[in-house]
Full PDB file with SEQRES, HELIX, SHEET, SSBOND, CRYST1, ORIGX, SCALE, CONECT and MASTER records, all heavy atoms in Angstrom:
SEQRES   1 A   30  VAL HIS MET VAL LYS ASP GLU VAL ASN THR ASP VAL GLN          
SEQRES   2 A   30  VAL ILE ILE ALA PRO PRO ALA LEU TYR LEU THR THR LEU          
SEQRES   3 A   30  GLN LYS HIS THR                                              
HELIX    1 AA1 HIS A    2  GLU A    7  1                                   6    
HELIX    2 AA2 ALA A   20  TYR A   22  5                                   3    
HELIX    3 AA3 LEU A   23  GLN A   27  1                                   5    
CRYST1    1.000    1.000    1.000  90.00  90.00  90.00 P 1           1          
ORIGX1      1.000000  0.000000  0.000000        0.00000                         
ORIGX2      0.000000  1.000000  0.000000        0.00000                         
ORIGX3      0.000000  0.000000  1.000000        0.00000                         
SCALE1      1.000000  0.000000  0.000000        0.00000                         
SCALE2      0.000000  1.000000  0.000000        0.00000                         
SCALE3      0.000000  0.000000  1.000000        0.00000                         
ATOM      1  N   VAL A   1     -84.219 -45.663  20.800  1.00  0.00           N  
ATOM      2  CA  VAL A   1     -85.119 -44.516  20.903  1.00  0.00           C  
ATOM      3  C   VAL A   1     -85.542 -44.026  19.525  1.00  0.00           C  
ATOM      4  O   VAL A   1     -86.732 -43.780  19.263  1.00  0.00           O  
ATOM      5  CB  VAL A   1     -84.454 -43.381  21.716  1.00  0.00           C  
ATOM      6  CG1 VAL A   1     -85.205 -42.066  21.513  1.00  0.00           C  
ATOM      7  CG2 VAL A   1     -84.407 -43.739  23.192  1.00  0.00           C  
ATOM      8  N   HIS A   2     -84.595 -43.872  18.619  1.00  0.00           N  
ATOM      9  CA  HIS A   2     -84.920 -43.371  17.283  1.00  0.00           C  
ATOM     10  C   HIS A   2     -85.767 -44.366  16.497  1.00  0.00           C  
ATOM     11  O   HIS A   2     -86.703 -43.981  15.788  1.00  0.00           O  
ATOM     12  CB  HIS A   2     -83.637 -43.036  16.525  1.00  0.00           C  
ATOM     13  CG  HIS A   2     -83.008 -41.752  16.968  1.00  0.00           C  
ATOM     14  ND1 HIS A   2     -81.999 -41.703  17.906  1.00  0.00           N  
ATOM     15  CD2 HIS A   2     -83.253 -40.468  16.626  1.00  0.00           C  
ATOM     16  CE1 HIS A   2     -81.652 -40.449  18.106  1.00  0.00           C  
ATOM     17  NE2 HIS A   2     -82.396 -39.675  17.350  1.00  0.00           N  
ATOM     18  N   MET A   3     -85.451 -45.653  16.622  1.00  0.00           N  
ATOM     19  CA  MET A   3     -86.226 -46.663  15.904  1.00  0.00           C  
ATOM     20  C   MET A   3     -87.653 -46.752  16.431  1.00  0.00           C  
ATOM     21  O   MET A   3     -88.612 -46.845  15.662  1.00  0.00           O  
ATOM     22  CB  MET A   3     -85.534 -48.026  16.015  1.00  0.00           C  
ATOM     23  CG  MET A   3     -84.251 -48.146  15.225  1.00  0.00           C  
ATOM     24  SD  MET A   3     -83.498 -49.790  15.447  1.00  0.00           S  
ATOM     25  CE  MET A   3     -81.980 -49.596  14.500  1.00  0.00           C  
ATOM     26  N   VAL A   4     -87.797 -46.729  17.748  1.00  0.00           N  
ATOM     27  CA  VAL A   4     -89.131 -46.799  18.340  1.00  0.00           C  
ATOM     28  C   VAL A   4     -89.957 -45.594  17.919  1.00  0.00           C  
ATOM     29  O   VAL A   4     -91.135 -45.712  17.543  1.00  0.00           O  
ATOM     30  CB  VAL A   4     -89.041 -46.885  19.878  1.00  0.00           C  
ATOM     31  CG1 VAL A   4     -90.415 -46.687  20.519  1.00  0.00           C  
ATOM     32  CG2 VAL A   4     -88.451 -48.222  20.304  1.00  0.00           C  
ATOM     33  N   LYS A   5     -89.357 -44.422  17.967  1.00  0.00           N  
ATOM     34  CA  LYS A   5     -90.059 -43.194  17.591  1.00  0.00           C  
ATOM     35  C   LYS A   5     -90.535 -43.237  16.149  1.00  0.00           C  
ATOM     36  O   LYS A   5     -91.645 -42.799  15.835  1.00  0.00           O  
ATOM     37  CB  LYS A   5     -89.141 -41.993  17.811  1.00  0.00           C  
ATOM     38  CG  LYS A   5     -89.810 -40.655  17.577  1.00  0.00           C  
ATOM     39  CD  LYS A   5     -88.860 -39.511  17.896  1.00  0.00           C  
ATOM     40  CE  LYS A   5     -89.517 -38.154  17.693  1.00  0.00           C  
ATOM     41  NZ  LYS A   5     -88.583 -37.035  17.985  1.00  0.00           N  
ATOM     42  N   ASP A   6     -89.723 -43.803  15.278  1.00  0.00           N  
ATOM     43  CA  ASP A   6     -90.030 -43.794  13.852  1.00  0.00           C  
ATOM     44  C   ASP A   6     -90.853 -44.986  13.376  1.00  0.00           C  
ATOM     45  O   ASP A   6     -91.565 -44.886  12.371  1.00  0.00           O  
ATOM     46  CB  ASP A   6     -88.726 -43.754  13.035  1.00  0.00           C  
ATOM     47  CG  ASP A   6     -87.965 -42.455  13.195  1.00  0.00           C  
ATOM     48  OD1 ASP A   6     -88.581 -41.454  13.620  1.00  0.00           O  
ATOM     49  OD2 ASP A   6     -86.751 -42.436  12.909  1.00  0.00           O  
ATOM     50  N   GLU A   7     -90.776 -46.129  14.097  1.00  0.00           N  
ATOM     51  CA  GLU A   7     -91.287 -47.370  13.522  1.00  0.00           C  
ATOM     52  C   GLU A   7     -92.345 -48.105  14.345  1.00  0.00           C  
ATOM     53  O   GLU A   7     -93.091 -48.920  13.799  1.00  0.00           O  
ATOM     54  CB  GLU A   7     -90.117 -48.346  13.275  1.00  0.00           C  
ATOM     55  CG  GLU A   7     -89.020 -47.799  12.376  1.00  0.00           C  
ATOM     56  CD  GLU A   7     -87.859 -48.768  12.244  1.00  0.00           C  
ATOM     57  OE1 GLU A   7     -88.091 -49.989  12.390  1.00  0.00           O  
ATOM     58  OE2 GLU A   7     -86.722 -48.309  12.010  1.00  0.00           O  
ATOM     59  N   VAL A   8     -92.402 -47.870  15.646  1.00  0.00           N  
ATOM     60  CA  VAL A   8     -93.264 -48.680  16.507  1.00  0.00           C  
ATOM     61  C   VAL A   8     -94.572 -47.944  16.793  1.00  0.00           C  
ATOM     62  O   VAL A   8     -94.568 -46.746  17.107  1.00  0.00           O  
ATOM     63  CB  VAL A   8     -92.547 -49.018  17.836  1.00  0.00           C  
ATOM     64  CG1 VAL A   8     -93.471 -49.809  18.763  1.00  0.00           C  
ATOM     65  CG2 VAL A   8     -91.267 -49.811  17.561  1.00  0.00           C  
ATOM     66  N   ASN A   9     -95.677 -48.673  16.688  1.00  0.00           N  
ATOM     67  CA  ASN A   9     -96.976 -48.084  16.982  1.00  0.00           C  
ATOM     68  C   ASN A   9     -97.003 -47.522  18.398  1.00  0.00           C  
ATOM     69  O   ASN A   9     -96.482 -48.141  19.332  1.00  0.00           O  
ATOM     70  CB  ASN A   9     -98.087 -49.132  16.830  1.00  0.00           C  
ATOM     71  CG  ASN A   9     -98.334 -49.510  15.388  1.00  0.00           C  
ATOM     72  OD1 ASN A   9     -97.987 -48.770  14.476  1.00  0.00           O  
ATOM     73  ND2 ASN A   9     -98.930 -50.677  15.174  1.00  0.00           N  
ATOM     74  N   THR A  10     -97.637 -46.400  18.555  1.00  0.00           N  
ATOM     75  CA  THR A  10     -97.645 -45.734  19.861  1.00  0.00           C  
ATOM     76  C   THR A  10     -98.464 -46.480  20.908  1.00  0.00           C  
ATOM     77  O   THR A  10     -98.364 -46.177  22.093  1.00  0.00           O  
ATOM     78  CB  THR A  10     -98.171 -44.294  19.727  1.00  0.00           C  
ATOM     79  OG1 THR A  10     -99.469 -44.325  19.118  1.00  0.00           O  
ATOM     80  CG2 THR A  10     -97.234 -43.452  18.873  1.00  0.00           C  
ATOM     81  N   ASP A  11     -99.270 -47.464  20.495  1.00  0.00           N  
ATOM     82  CA  ASP A  11    -100.029 -48.229  21.481  1.00  0.00           C  
ATOM     83  C   ASP A  11     -99.211 -49.368  22.082  1.00  0.00           C  
ATOM     84  O   ASP A  11     -99.695 -50.101  22.947  1.00  0.00           O  
ATOM     85  CB  ASP A  11    -101.327 -48.772  20.879  1.00  0.00           C  
ATOM     86  CG  ASP A  11    -101.092 -49.782  19.768  1.00  0.00           C  
ATOM     87  OD1 ASP A  11     -99.972 -49.820  19.214  1.00  0.00           O  
ATOM     88  OD2 ASP A  11    -102.028 -50.542  19.444  1.00  0.00           O  
ATOM     89  N   VAL A  12     -97.964 -49.507  21.639  1.00  0.00           N  
ATOM     90  CA  VAL A  12     -97.042 -50.486  22.217  1.00  0.00           C  
ATOM     91  C   VAL A  12     -96.074 -49.745  23.134  1.00  0.00           C  
ATOM     92  O   VAL A  12     -95.378 -48.827  22.702  1.00  0.00           O  
ATOM     93  CB  VAL A  12     -96.251 -51.230  21.123  1.00  0.00           C  
ATOM     94  CG1 VAL A  12     -95.247 -52.201  21.764  1.00  0.00           C  
ATOM     95  CG2 VAL A  12     -97.190 -51.970  20.188  1.00  0.00           C  
ATOM     96  N   GLN A  13     -96.055 -50.131  24.403  1.00  0.00           N  
ATOM     97  CA  GLN A  13     -95.119 -49.513  25.347  1.00  0.00           C  
ATOM     98  C   GLN A  13     -93.792 -50.258  25.295  1.00  0.00           C  
ATOM     99  O   GLN A  13     -93.748 -51.479  25.444  1.00  0.00           O  
ATOM    100  CB  GLN A  13     -95.674 -49.548  26.773  1.00  0.00           C  
ATOM    101  CG  GLN A  13     -94.793 -48.807  27.772  1.00  0.00           C  
ATOM    102  CD  GLN A  13     -95.415 -48.716  29.158  1.00  0.00           C  
ATOM    103  OE1 GLN A  13     -96.177 -49.581  29.564  1.00  0.00           O  
ATOM    104  NE2 GLN A  13     -95.088 -47.665  29.882  1.00  0.00           N  
ATOM    105  N   VAL A  14     -92.712 -49.504  25.081  1.00  0.00           N  
ATOM    106  CA  VAL A  14     -91.370 -50.076  24.987  1.00  0.00           C  
ATOM    107  C   VAL A  14     -90.560 -49.609  26.193  1.00  0.00           C  
ATOM    108  O   VAL A  14     -90.483 -48.419  26.480  1.00  0.00           O  
ATOM    109  CB  VAL A  14     -90.676 -49.658  23.679  1.00  0.00           C  
ATOM    110  CG1 VAL A  14     -89.266 -50.248  23.616  1.00  0.00           C  
ATOM    111  CG2 VAL A  14     -91.495 -50.116  22.471  1.00  0.00           C  
ATOM    112  N   ILE A  15     -89.966 -50.559  26.893  1.00  0.00           N  
ATOM    113  CA  ILE A  15     -89.217 -50.264  28.116  1.00  0.00           C  
ATOM    114  C   ILE A  15     -87.817 -50.841  27.982  1.00  0.00           C  
ATOM    115  O   ILE A  15     -87.648 -51.970  27.504  1.00  0.00           O  
ATOM    116  CB  ILE A  15     -89.909 -50.892  29.340  1.00  0.00           C  
ATOM    117  CG1 ILE A  15     -91.326 -50.341  29.499  1.00  0.00           C  
ATOM    118  CG2 ILE A  15     -89.106 -50.657  30.617  1.00  0.00           C  
ATOM    119  CD1 ILE A  15     -92.214 -51.195  30.381  1.00  0.00           C  
ATOM    120  N   ILE A  16     -86.808 -50.078  28.381  1.00  0.00           N  
ATOM    121  CA  ILE A  16     -85.460 -50.628  28.458  1.00  0.00           C  
ATOM    122  C   ILE A  16     -85.029 -50.660  29.924  1.00  0.00           C  
ATOM    123  O   ILE A  16     -85.373 -49.780  30.701  1.00  0.00           O  
ATOM    124  CB  ILE A  16     -84.442 -49.842  27.607  1.00  0.00           C  
ATOM    125  CG1 ILE A  16     -84.347 -48.378  28.042  1.00  0.00           C  
ATOM    126  CG2 ILE A  16     -84.785 -49.958  26.130  1.00  0.00           C  
ATOM    127  CD1 ILE A  16     -83.185 -47.622  27.378  1.00  0.00           C  
ATOM    128  N   ALA A  17     -84.283 -51.706  30.280  1.00  0.00           N  
ATOM    129  CA  ALA A  17     -83.802 -51.873  31.651  1.00  0.00           C  
ATOM    130  C   ALA A  17     -82.279 -52.041  31.625  1.00  0.00           C  
ATOM    131  O   ALA A  17     -81.769 -53.165  31.632  1.00  0.00           O  
ATOM    132  CB  ALA A  17     -84.460 -53.073  32.314  1.00  0.00           C  
ATOM    133  N   PRO A  18     -81.555 -50.936  31.582  1.00  0.00           N  
ATOM    134  CA  PRO A  18     -80.093 -50.996  31.566  1.00  0.00           C  
ATOM    135  C   PRO A  18     -79.542 -51.214  32.975  1.00  0.00           C  
ATOM    136  O   PRO A  18     -80.294 -51.128  33.957  1.00  0.00           O  
ATOM    137  CB  PRO A  18     -79.712 -49.611  31.041  1.00  0.00           C  
ATOM    138  CG  PRO A  18     -80.792 -48.722  31.573  1.00  0.00           C  
ATOM    139  CD  PRO A  18     -82.047 -49.553  31.539  1.00  0.00           C  
ATOM    140  N   PRO A  19     -78.243 -51.468  33.099  1.00  0.00           N  
ATOM    141  CA  PRO A  19     -77.643 -51.482  34.438  1.00  0.00           C  
ATOM    142  C   PRO A  19     -77.916 -50.170  35.167  1.00  0.00           C  
ATOM    143  O   PRO A  19     -78.003 -49.105  34.545  1.00  0.00           O  
ATOM    144  CB  PRO A  19     -76.146 -51.658  34.141  1.00  0.00           C  
ATOM    145  CG  PRO A  19     -76.115 -52.400  32.831  1.00  0.00           C  
ATOM    146  CD  PRO A  19     -77.268 -51.836  32.054  1.00  0.00           C  
ATOM    147  N   ALA A  20     -78.043 -50.245  36.484  1.00  0.00           N  
ATOM    148  CA  ALA A  20     -78.464 -49.088  37.281  1.00  0.00           C  
ATOM    149  C   ALA A  20     -77.549 -47.882  37.110  1.00  0.00           C  
ATOM    150  O   ALA A  20     -78.012 -46.732  37.183  1.00  0.00           O  
ATOM    151  CB  ALA A  20     -78.534 -49.482  38.756  1.00  0.00           C  
ATOM    152  N   LEU A  21     -76.269 -48.111  36.864  1.00  0.00           N  
ATOM    153  CA  LEU A  21     -75.321 -47.011  36.687  1.00  0.00           C  
ATOM    154  C   LEU A  21     -75.734 -46.063  35.565  1.00  0.00           C  
ATOM    155  O   LEU A  21     -75.399 -44.870  35.600  1.00  0.00           O  
ATOM    156  CB  LEU A  21     -73.929 -47.562  36.355  1.00  0.00           C  
ATOM    157  CG  LEU A  21     -73.071 -48.097  37.499  1.00  0.00           C  
ATOM    158  CD1 LEU A  21     -71.843 -48.795  36.933  1.00  0.00           C  
ATOM    159  CD2 LEU A  21     -72.664 -46.978  38.436  1.00  0.00           C  
ATOM    160  N   TYR A  22     -76.461 -46.573  34.577  1.00  0.00           N  
ATOM    161  CA  TYR A  22     -76.758 -45.799  33.378  1.00  0.00           C  
ATOM    162  C   TYR A  22     -78.157 -45.197  33.372  1.00  0.00           C  
ATOM    163  O   TYR A  22     -78.536 -44.499  32.429  1.00  0.00           O  
ATOM    164  CB  TYR A  22     -76.599 -46.689  32.125  1.00  0.00           C  
ATOM    165  CG  TYR A  22     -75.316 -47.456  32.050  1.00  0.00           C  
ATOM    166  CD1 TYR A  22     -75.269 -48.701  31.419  1.00  0.00           C  
ATOM    167  CD2 TYR A  22     -74.123 -46.967  32.601  1.00  0.00           C  
ATOM    168  CE1 TYR A  22     -74.089 -49.424  31.327  1.00  0.00           C  
ATOM    169  CE2 TYR A  22     -72.943 -47.690  32.514  1.00  0.00           C  
ATOM    170  CZ  TYR A  22     -72.930 -48.918  31.880  1.00  0.00           C  
ATOM    171  OH  TYR A  22     -71.759 -49.634  31.803  1.00  0.00           O  
ATOM    172  N   LEU A  23     -78.939 -45.482  34.392  1.00  0.00           N  
ATOM    173  CA  LEU A  23     -80.343 -45.077  34.372  1.00  0.00           C  
ATOM    174  C   LEU A  23     -80.523 -43.574  34.202  1.00  0.00           C  
ATOM    175  O   LEU A  23     -81.341 -43.132  33.380  1.00  0.00           O  
ATOM    176  CB  LEU A  23     -81.047 -45.535  35.657  1.00  0.00           C  
ATOM    177  CG  LEU A  23     -81.406 -47.022  35.729  1.00  0.00           C  
ATOM    178  CD1 LEU A  23     -81.798 -47.394  37.153  1.00  0.00           C  
ATOM    179  CD2 LEU A  23     -82.541 -47.344  34.769  1.00  0.00           C  
ATOM    180  N   THR A  24     -79.801 -42.780  34.964  1.00  0.00           N  
ATOM    181  CA  THR A  24     -79.981 -41.332  34.910  1.00  0.00           C  
ATOM    182  C   THR A  24     -79.710 -40.786  33.515  1.00  0.00           C  
ATOM    183  O   THR A  24     -80.490 -39.995  32.980  1.00  0.00           O  
ATOM    184  CB  THR A  24     -79.050 -40.637  35.925  1.00  0.00           C  
ATOM    185  OG1 THR A  24     -79.339 -41.130  37.225  1.00  0.00           O  
ATOM    186  CG2 THR A  24     -79.268 -39.134  35.909  1.00  0.00           C  
ATOM    187  N   THR A  25     -78.615 -41.223  32.913  1.00  0.00           N  
ATOM    188  CA  THR A  25     -78.243 -40.721  31.589  1.00  0.00           C  
ATOM    189  C   THR A  25     -79.221 -41.179  30.517  1.00  0.00           C  
ATOM    190  O   THR A  25     -79.669 -40.382  29.683  1.00  0.00           O  
ATOM    191  CB  THR A  25     -76.825 -41.196  31.228  1.00  0.00           C  
ATOM    192  OG1 THR A  25     -75.912 -40.720  32.222  1.00  0.00           O  
ATOM    193  CG2 THR A  25     -76.403 -40.668  29.869  1.00  0.00           C  
ATOM    194  N   LEU A  26     -79.582 -42.453  30.540  1.00  0.00           N  
ATOM    195  CA  LEU A  26     -80.435 -42.985  29.477  1.00  0.00           C  
ATOM    196  C   LEU A  26     -81.880 -42.542  29.617  1.00  0.00           C  
ATOM    197  O   LEU A  26     -82.609 -42.450  28.623  1.00  0.00           O  
ATOM    198  CB  LEU A  26     -80.348 -44.509  29.448  1.00  0.00           C  
ATOM    199  CG  LEU A  26     -78.946 -45.099  29.216  1.00  0.00           C  
ATOM    200  CD1 LEU A  26     -79.036 -46.585  28.933  1.00  0.00           C  
ATOM    201  CD2 LEU A  26     -78.208 -44.387  28.092  1.00  0.00           C  
ATOM    202  N   GLN A  27     -82.299 -42.226  30.837  1.00  0.00           N  
ATOM    203  CA  GLN A  27     -83.666 -41.739  31.040  1.00  0.00           C  
ATOM    204  C   GLN A  27     -83.908 -40.466  30.249  1.00  0.00           C  
ATOM    205  O   GLN A  27     -85.012 -40.226  29.747  1.00  0.00           O  
ATOM    206  CB  GLN A  27     -83.926 -41.520  32.532  1.00  0.00           C  
ATOM    207  CG  GLN A  27     -85.362 -41.170  32.879  1.00  0.00           C  
ATOM    208  CD  GLN A  27     -85.662 -39.683  32.804  1.00  0.00           C  
ATOM    209  OE1 GLN A  27     -84.740 -38.848  32.888  1.00  0.00           O  
ATOM    210  NE2 GLN A  27     -86.930 -39.337  32.640  1.00  0.00           N  
ATOM    211  N   LYS A  28     -82.881 -39.650  30.108  1.00  0.00           N  
ATOM    212  CA  LYS A  28     -83.015 -38.390  29.372  1.00  0.00           C  
ATOM    213  C   LYS A  28     -83.295 -38.645  27.890  1.00  0.00           C  
ATOM    214  O   LYS A  28     -83.860 -37.799  27.214  1.00  0.00           O  
ATOM    215  CB  LYS A  28     -81.753 -37.543  29.554  1.00  0.00           C  
ATOM    216  CG  LYS A  28     -81.530 -37.113  30.998  1.00  0.00           C  
ATOM    217  CD  LYS A  28     -80.185 -36.425  31.185  1.00  0.00           C  
ATOM    218  CE  LYS A  28     -79.953 -36.075  32.647  1.00  0.00           C  
ATOM    219  NZ  LYS A  28     -78.606 -35.496  32.887  1.00  0.00           N  
ATOM    220  N   HIS A  29     -82.889 -39.802  27.407  1.00  0.00           N  
ATOM    221  CA  HIS A  29     -83.172 -40.175  26.015  1.00  0.00           C  
ATOM    222  C   HIS A  29     -84.591 -40.728  25.883  1.00  0.00           C  
ATOM    223  O   HIS A  29     -85.328 -40.348  24.964  1.00  0.00           O  
ATOM    224  CB  HIS A  29     -82.153 -41.214  25.532  1.00  0.00           C  
ATOM    225  CG  HIS A  29     -80.761 -40.701  25.391  1.00  0.00           C  
ATOM    226  ND1 HIS A  29     -80.191 -40.390  24.171  1.00  0.00           N  
ATOM    227  CD2 HIS A  29     -79.814 -40.417  26.314  1.00  0.00           C  
ATOM    228  CE1 HIS A  29     -78.961 -39.953  24.354  1.00  0.00           C  
ATOM    229  NE2 HIS A  29     -78.700 -39.963  25.651  1.00  0.00           N  
ATOM    230  N   THR A  30     -84.972 -41.614  26.788  1.00  0.00           N  
ATOM    231  CA  THR A  30     -86.272 -42.279  26.652  1.00  0.00           C  
ATOM    232  C   THR A  30     -87.444 -41.347  26.933  1.00  0.00           C  
ATOM    233  O   THR A  30     -88.527 -41.539  26.373  1.00  0.00           O  
ATOM    234  CB  THR A  30     -86.364 -43.495  27.594  1.00  0.00           C  
ATOM    235  OG1 THR A  30     -86.200 -43.056  28.954  1.00  0.00           O  
ATOM    236  CG2 THR A  30     -85.291 -44.515  27.263  1.00  0.00           C  
TER     237      THR A  30                                                      
MASTER        0    0    0    3    0    0    0    6  236    1    0    3          
END                                                                             
């Protein structure tokens, strides 16, 4: 999240697909 925010052009969509158990927690970061 921090690297994408600081380094990746905003016209590139970045998606993470973690195990389902972690989706709720990690969604709050993304």
